[in-house]
Amino acid sequence: MEQQTTKRQTKTTRRGRVVSNSMEKSIVVAVDRLVMHPLYRKTIRRTSKFMAHDEQNQCQVGDKVVIEETRPLSKRKRWRLKEVLDKAEV
C-alpha cells in the first residue's frame, strides 16, 4: 500500500491589541485593517473584534498580541493566544 501524506494548512494568524480581559481565560482582541473607499478612494481604518483563549490570563488591556485560528472553544471563541508581542505600559 502507498503511504498517504496529508498536507496541513497553516493556521490563520492576526495581530491586534487587547481591548478587554475582564473574563476568565478569555480576551477580546481588536484587529485593524485598511480598506479603500469604493467611491472616494480614501483609505479607511476598519476594526474587527475577536474573542481569544488566554490560558494563563497573562494579557492586560493594551497589549499587542498574535492570535491564531483554532477549533471552536465556546459559542464565540474561535481564536487562541499565540504570543504577546508588546506589553502595555502601566
C-alpha atoms as a PDB file:
ATOM      1  CA  MET A   1       0.000   0.000   0.000  1.00  0.00           C
ATOM      2  CA  GLU A   2       1.069   3.513  -0.680  1.00  0.00           C
ATOM      3  CA  GLN A   3       1.624   5.778   2.234  1.00  0.00           C
ATOM      4  CA  GLN A   4      -0.618   8.810   2.143  1.00  0.00           C
ATOM      5  CA  THR A   5       0.783  12.125   3.155  1.00  0.00           C
ATOM      6  CA  THR A   6      -1.630  14.806   4.182  1.00  0.00           C
ATOM      7  CA  LYS A   7      -0.570  18.400   3.922  1.00  0.00           C
ATOM      8  CA  ARG A   8      -1.795  20.508   6.810  1.00  0.00           C
ATOM      9  CA  GLN A   9      -2.956  24.019   6.175  1.00  0.00           C
ATOM     10  CA  THR A  10      -1.184  26.728   8.090  1.00  0.00           C
ATOM     11  CA  LYS A  11      -3.385  28.340  10.696  1.00  0.00           C
ATOM     12  CA  THR A  12      -4.506  31.902  10.124  1.00  0.00           C
ATOM     13  CA  THR A  13      -2.841  34.399  12.449  1.00  0.00           C
ATOM     14  CA  ARG A  14      -3.758  38.003  13.162  1.00  0.00           C
ATOM     15  CA  ARG A  15      -2.067  40.821  15.055  1.00  0.00           C
ATOM     16  CA  GLY A  16      -4.041  43.182  17.255  1.00  0.00           C
ATOM     17  CA  ARG A  17      -4.372  44.823  20.630  1.00  0.00           C
ATOM     18  CA  VAL A  18      -6.233  43.602  23.691  1.00  0.00           C
ATOM     19  CA  VAL A  19      -9.304  45.735  24.438  1.00  0.00           C
ATOM     20  CA  SER A  20     -10.844  43.605  27.212  1.00  0.00           C
ATOM     21  CA  ASN A  21      -9.628  40.969  29.668  1.00  0.00           C
ATOM     22  CA  SER A  22     -12.450  41.024  32.216  1.00  0.00           C
ATOM     23  CA  MET A  23     -13.303  37.342  31.635  1.00  0.00           C
ATOM     24  CA  GLU A  24     -11.581  34.231  32.951  1.00  0.00           C
ATOM     25  CA  LYS A  25      -9.135  32.827  30.372  1.00  0.00           C
ATOM     26  CA  SER A  26     -10.599  34.990  27.588  1.00  0.00           C
ATOM     27  CA  ILE A  27      -9.599  38.235  25.917  1.00  0.00           C
ATOM     28  CA  VAL A  28     -11.093  40.443  23.230  1.00  0.00           C
ATOM     29  CA  VAL A  29      -8.608  41.467  20.532  1.00  0.00           C
ATOM     30  CA  ALA A  30      -9.233  44.380  18.139  1.00  0.00           C
ATOM     31  CA  VAL A  31      -7.624  43.877  14.722  1.00  0.00           C
ATOM     32  CA  ASP A  32      -7.313  46.906  12.420  1.00  0.00           C
ATOM     33  CA  ARG A  33      -7.181  46.750   8.630  1.00  0.00           C
ATOM     34  CA  LEU A  34      -7.070  49.421   5.964  1.00  0.00           C
ATOM     35  CA  VAL A  35      -9.611  49.375   3.127  1.00  0.00           C
ATOM     36  CA  MET A  36     -10.154  51.782   0.283  1.00  0.00           C
ATOM     37  CA  HIS A  37     -13.487  53.565  -0.047  1.00  0.00           C
ATOM     38  CA  PRO A  38     -15.118  52.363  -3.278  1.00  0.00           C
ATOM     39  CA  LEU A  39     -16.190  55.809  -4.479  1.00  0.00           C
ATOM     40  CA  TYR A  40     -13.837  58.337  -2.902  1.00  0.00           C
ATOM     41  CA  ARG A  41     -10.678  56.190  -2.940  1.00  0.00           C
ATOM     42  CA  LYS A  42      -9.734  57.298   0.561  1.00  0.00           C
ATOM     43  CA  THR A  43      -8.132  54.754   2.886  1.00  0.00           C
ATOM     44  CA  ILE A  44     -10.382  53.922   5.832  1.00  0.00           C
ATOM     45  CA  ARG A  45      -9.441  52.060   9.007  1.00  0.00           C
ATOM     46  CA  ARG A  46     -11.800  49.186   9.844  1.00  0.00           C
ATOM     47  CA  THR A  47     -11.694  47.298  13.154  1.00  0.00           C
ATOM     48  CA  SER A  48     -12.811  43.733  13.851  1.00  0.00           C
ATOM     49  CA  LYS A  49     -13.034  42.228  17.334  1.00  0.00           C
ATOM     50  CA  PHE A  50     -12.183  38.592  18.047  1.00  0.00           C
ATOM     51  CA  MET A  51     -12.555  36.648  21.270  1.00  0.00           C
ATOM     52  CA  ALA A  52      -9.464  34.584  22.023  1.00  0.00           C
ATOM     53  CA  HIS A  53      -8.496  31.995  24.620  1.00  0.00           C
ATOM     54  CA  ASP A  54      -5.795  33.121  27.088  1.00  0.00           C
ATOM     55  CA  GLU A  55      -4.901  30.054  29.157  1.00  0.00           C
ATOM     56  CA  GLN A  56      -2.642  31.773  31.735  1.00  0.00           C
ATOM     57  CA  ASN A  57      -4.589  35.068  31.987  1.00  0.00           C
ATOM     58  CA  GLN A  58      -1.349  36.841  31.065  1.00  0.00           C
ATOM     59  CA  CYS A  59      -2.722  39.643  28.867  1.00  0.00           C
ATOM     60  CA  GLN A  60      -3.607  43.135  30.011  1.00  0.00           C
ATOM     61  CA  VAL A  61      -5.608  45.793  28.171  1.00  0.00           C
ATOM     62  CA  GLY A  62      -3.359  47.490  25.617  1.00  0.00           C
ATOM     63  CA  ASP A  63      -1.009  44.551  24.966  1.00  0.00           C
ATOM     64  CA  LYS A  64      -0.123  43.836  21.351  1.00  0.00           C
ATOM     65  CA  VAL A  65      -0.698  40.129  20.636  1.00  0.00           C
ATOM     66  CA  VAL A  66      -0.781  37.495  17.914  1.00  0.00           C
ATOM     67  CA  ILE A  67      -3.792  35.179  17.819  1.00  0.00           C
ATOM     68  CA  GLU A  68      -4.251  32.048  15.731  1.00  0.00           C
ATOM     69  CA  GLU A  69      -7.339  30.311  14.441  1.00  0.00           C
ATOM     70  CA  THR A  70      -8.387  27.134  16.228  1.00  0.00           C
ATOM     71  CA  ARG A  71     -11.376  24.847  16.654  1.00  0.00           C
ATOM     72  CA  PRO A  72     -14.454  26.326  18.335  1.00  0.00           C
ATOM     73  CA  LEU A  73     -13.751  26.615  22.059  1.00  0.00           C
ATOM     74  CA  SER A  74     -17.097  28.152  23.037  1.00  0.00           C
ATOM     75  CA  LYS A  75     -20.013  29.963  21.430  1.00  0.00           C
ATOM     76  CA  ARG A  76     -17.901  32.969  20.347  1.00  0.00           C
ATOM     77  CA  LYS A  77     -14.265  31.851  20.806  1.00  0.00           C
ATOM     78  CA  ARG A  78     -12.533  30.531  17.684  1.00  0.00           C
ATOM     79  CA  TRP A  79      -9.062  32.017  18.312  1.00  0.00           C
ATOM     80  CA  ARG A  80      -6.208  31.194  20.682  1.00  0.00           C
ATOM     81  CA  LEU A  81      -3.467  33.473  22.016  1.00  0.00           C
ATOM     82  CA  LYS A  82      -0.210  32.591  20.261  1.00  0.00           C
ATOM     83  CA  GLU A  83       2.197  35.166  21.697  1.00  0.00           C
ATOM     84  CA  VAL A  84       2.413  38.555  23.370  1.00  0.00           C
ATOM     85  CA  LEU A  85       4.445  40.949  21.238  1.00  0.00           C
ATOM     86  CA  ASP A  86       4.472  44.040  23.416  1.00  0.00           C
ATOM     87  CA  LYS A  87       3.241  44.566  26.986  1.00  0.00           C
ATOM     88  CA  ALA A  88       1.233  47.710  27.730  1.00  0.00           C
ATOM     89  CA  GLU A  89       2.838  50.281  29.984  1.00  0.00           C
ATOM     90  CA  VAL A  90       1.013  50.715  33.264  1.00  0.00           C
END
